[in-house]
Protein backbone atom coordinates (compact mmCIF):
# COMPACT_ATOMS: atom_id res chain seq x y z
CA MET A 1 76.56 -12.18 35.82
CA ILE A 2 74.66 -14.89 33.77
CA SER A 3 70.75 -15.85 34.40
CA SER A 4 69.82 -18.80 33.23
CA GLU A 5 66.38 -20.94 33.36
CA ASN A 6 65.78 -24.70 32.94
CA GLY A 7 69.70 -24.90 31.56
CA ARG A 8 69.05 -22.33 29.09
CA LYS A 9 71.26 -19.09 29.25
CA GLN A 10 68.68 -16.09 29.13
CA TYR A 11 70.73 -13.09 30.03
CA ARG A 12 74.23 -11.88 30.32
CA PHE A 13 75.14 -8.85 32.58
CA GLU A 14 78.44 -7.19 32.18
CA THR A 15 79.46 -4.30 34.37
CA PRO A 16 82.68 -2.82 36.13
CA LEU A 17 81.01 -2.44 39.60
CA MET A 18 78.01 -3.84 40.94
CA GLU A 19 76.58 -3.07 44.41
CA TYR A 20 74.15 -5.23 46.27
CA TYR A 21 71.89 -3.58 49.11
CA GLY A 22 70.20 -7.04 50.15
CA LEU A 23 69.21 -5.48 53.65
CA ALA A 24 67.26 -2.27 52.55
CA LYS A 25 63.46 -2.43 52.91
CA GLU A 26 63.48 -2.84 49.24
CA PRO A 27 66.70 -4.92 48.25
CA PHE A 28 68.55 -3.64 44.95
CA ARG A 29 71.29 -3.84 43.10
CA GLU A 30 73.21 -0.57 41.20
CA PHE A 31 75.39 -0.26 38.36
CA ARG A 32 76.51 3.20 38.99
CA LYS A 33 79.57 2.48 36.41
CA GLY A 34 77.36 1.22 33.65
CA ILE A 35 75.96 -2.24 32.36
CA LYS A 36 75.63 -4.40 29.16
CA ILE A 37 72.94 -6.72 29.02
CA GLU A 38 72.62 -9.26 26.70
CA THR A 39 69.46 -11.71 26.07
CA TYR A 40 69.48 -14.56 24.12
CA ASP A 41 67.11 -16.61 22.49
CA SER A 42 66.25 -20.43 22.27
CA THR A 43 69.30 -21.33 20.23
CA GLY A 44 71.47 -19.73 22.53
CA ARG A 45 71.76 -16.72 20.19
CA ILE A 46 72.36 -13.05 21.00
CA GLU A 47 68.52 -11.56 20.79
CA SER A 48 69.29 -8.04 21.76
CA THR A 49 71.77 -6.27 23.58
CA LEU A 50 71.15 -3.05 26.16
CA VAL A 51 74.20 -0.65 27.27
CA ALA A 52 73.76 2.27 29.88
CA SER A 53 75.66 4.61 31.87
CA TYR A 54 73.85 3.67 35.05
CA ALA A 55 71.58 1.02 36.07
CA ILE A 56 69.38 -0.15 38.98
CA HIS A 57 67.57 -3.18 39.47
CA ASN A 58 64.71 -3.42 42.34
CA GLU A 59 64.75 -7.03 43.24
CA LYS A 60 60.87 -7.35 44.79
CA GLN A 61 59.81 -5.64 41.68
CA ASP A 62 62.16 -7.22 39.34
CA LEU A 63 62.32 -3.77 37.95
CA TRP A 64 65.43 -2.50 36.01
CA THR A 65 66.19 1.23 35.40
CA ALA A 66 68.55 2.17 32.73
CA ARG A 67 69.92 5.98 32.47
CA GLY A 68 72.24 7.80 30.66
CA ASN A 69 72.94 7.16 26.79
CA VAL A 70 71.04 4.26 26.73
CA VAL A 71 71.52 2.24 23.55
CA ALA A 72 69.55 -0.91 23.01
CA THR A 73 69.88 -2.96 19.57
CA ASN A 74 68.09 -6.28 18.33
CA ALA A 75 68.78 -8.86 15.99
CA LYS A 76 66.92 -7.26 13.34
CA GLY A 77 69.90 -4.21 13.31
CA GLN A 78 67.39 -1.90 14.91
CA LYS A 79 69.00 0.52 17.53
CA LEU A 80 67.26 2.50 20.01
CA GLU A 81 68.78 5.36 22.04
CA THR A 82 67.23 7.48 24.83
CA GLN A 83 68.18 8.70 28.25
CA GLN A 84 65.81 6.50 30.50
CA LEU A 85 64.51 2.95 29.72
CA PHE A 86 62.82 0.68 32.04
CA TRP A 87 62.69 -3.11 31.88
CA ASP A 88 60.00 -4.89 33.62
CA ARG A 89 61.02 -8.80 33.86
CA ARG A 90 57.60 -9.79 35.00
CA ILE A 91 55.72 -8.75 32.22
CA LYS A 92 58.90 -9.01 29.78
CA ARG A 93 58.33 -5.38 28.57
CA ILE A 94 60.70 -2.66 28.15
CA TYR A 95 59.39 1.11 28.28
CA SER A 96 60.55 4.88 28.41
CA ASN A 97 58.52 8.14 28.90
CA VAL A 98 61.25 10.47 27.50
CA ASP A 99 62.21 11.19 24.05
CA SER A 100 63.66 8.08 21.97
CA LYS A 101 65.06 7.45 18.72
CA VAL A 102 64.83 3.99 16.61
CA THR A 103 67.15 3.60 13.69
CA GLN A 104 67.50 0.78 11.16
CA GLY A 105 69.34 1.57 8.04
CA GLU A 106 68.54 5.17 6.85
CA ASP A 107 65.38 4.78 8.67
CA VAL A 108 64.82 7.22 11.78
CA VAL A 109 61.75 7.44 13.96
CA ILE A 110 61.72 9.81 16.90
CA GLY A 111 59.13 9.64 19.54
CA GLU A 112 57.89 10.10 22.96
CA GLY A 113 56.68 7.30 25.04
CA PHE A 114 58.18 4.37 23.80
CA GLU A 115 57.40 0.60 24.56
CA SER A 116 58.44 -2.90 23.45
CA ASP A 117 58.69 -6.79 24.10
CA GLU A 118 61.51 -7.35 25.98
CA THR A 119 63.48 -8.72 22.98
CA PHE A 120 63.22 -5.45 21.20
CA THR A 121 61.38 -6.93 18.43
CA ASP A 122 57.71 -5.61 18.64
CA TRP A 123 57.86 -1.66 19.22
CA GLU A 124 55.75 1.63 19.05
CA PHE A 125 55.69 5.24 20.28
CA ARG A 126 52.84 6.69 21.98
CA ARG A 127 53.42 10.17 19.79
CA SER A 128 56.21 9.58 16.94
CA LYS A 129 57.96 11.68 13.78
CA GLY A 130 60.33 10.58 11.58
CA ARG A 131 62.22 9.88 8.44
CA LEU A 132 61.71 6.83 5.87
CA LEU A 133 63.02 6.04 2.53
CA VAL A 134 60.56 4.70 0.37
CA ASP A 135 61.03 3.43 -3.31
CA VAL A 136 58.72 4.78 -5.61
CA GLU A 137 58.34 3.41 -8.93
CA PRO A 138 56.96 5.79 -11.78
CA THR A 139 53.20 5.50 -13.52
CA ARG A 140 52.87 4.64 -16.94
CA ASP A 141 51.36 7.66 -17.76
CA THR A 142 53.16 10.58 -16.64
CA THR A 143 51.04 13.52 -18.69
CA VAL A 144 49.91 16.24 -16.41
CA HIS A 145 45.89 16.42 -16.71
CA ARG A 146 43.83 19.62 -16.22
CA PRO A 147 40.20 19.59 -15.04
CA GLY A 148 38.04 19.04 -17.89
CA ASP A 149 40.57 17.72 -20.06
CA SER A 150 40.57 14.19 -21.36
CA SER A 151 43.79 12.16 -23.12
CA GLU A 152 44.07 9.13 -24.78
CA SER A 153 46.72 6.64 -22.99
CA ALA A 154 49.37 4.24 -24.96
CA ASP A 155 46.70 1.34 -24.44
CA GLY A 156 44.15 3.51 -26.08
CA SER A 157 41.90 4.02 -22.98
CA THR A 158 40.62 7.30 -22.25
CA THR A 159 41.53 9.24 -19.48
CA ARG A 160 38.85 12.17 -18.30
CA GLN A 161 39.55 14.49 -15.44
CA LEU A 162 36.56 16.01 -13.59
CA LYS A 163 36.12 19.16 -12.41
CA GLN A 164 36.29 19.69 -8.80
CA PRO A 165 33.24 21.17 -7.25
CA GLU A 166 33.74 25.08 -5.90
């Protein structure tokens, strides 16, 4: 299924089974065997993808719910992994209230309460923790100073360490 606006492809939905319940009080589509969704930018390139074991779309609210092994990726190479994710197409936001993990290369951020724009380019956690690799350059002066000591560096300046108040 492809969704377009003004002749421009915006979304592509792929699933082995889609069930439509149009006569229900709140019409919905159910994807019990999983789904893959791709979003496209204005040039037609894939902006983000989402894969889940199960999804449901409420037509009136235009709200998607994805559950089970949810994995979303964006054009920057960032990957979101969670067990439940909501996509509100009216306000163009995705969010989760359960633990989620974002990975980019060696960097991993884990948190609770994830929220992002629908293309997964501007995201944040309510509570987070993680591991990030940081390049650190050594300082010029690697001498250890004790309180009260003074020393002269290679450029001739004097460094004095002040005693800490007790």
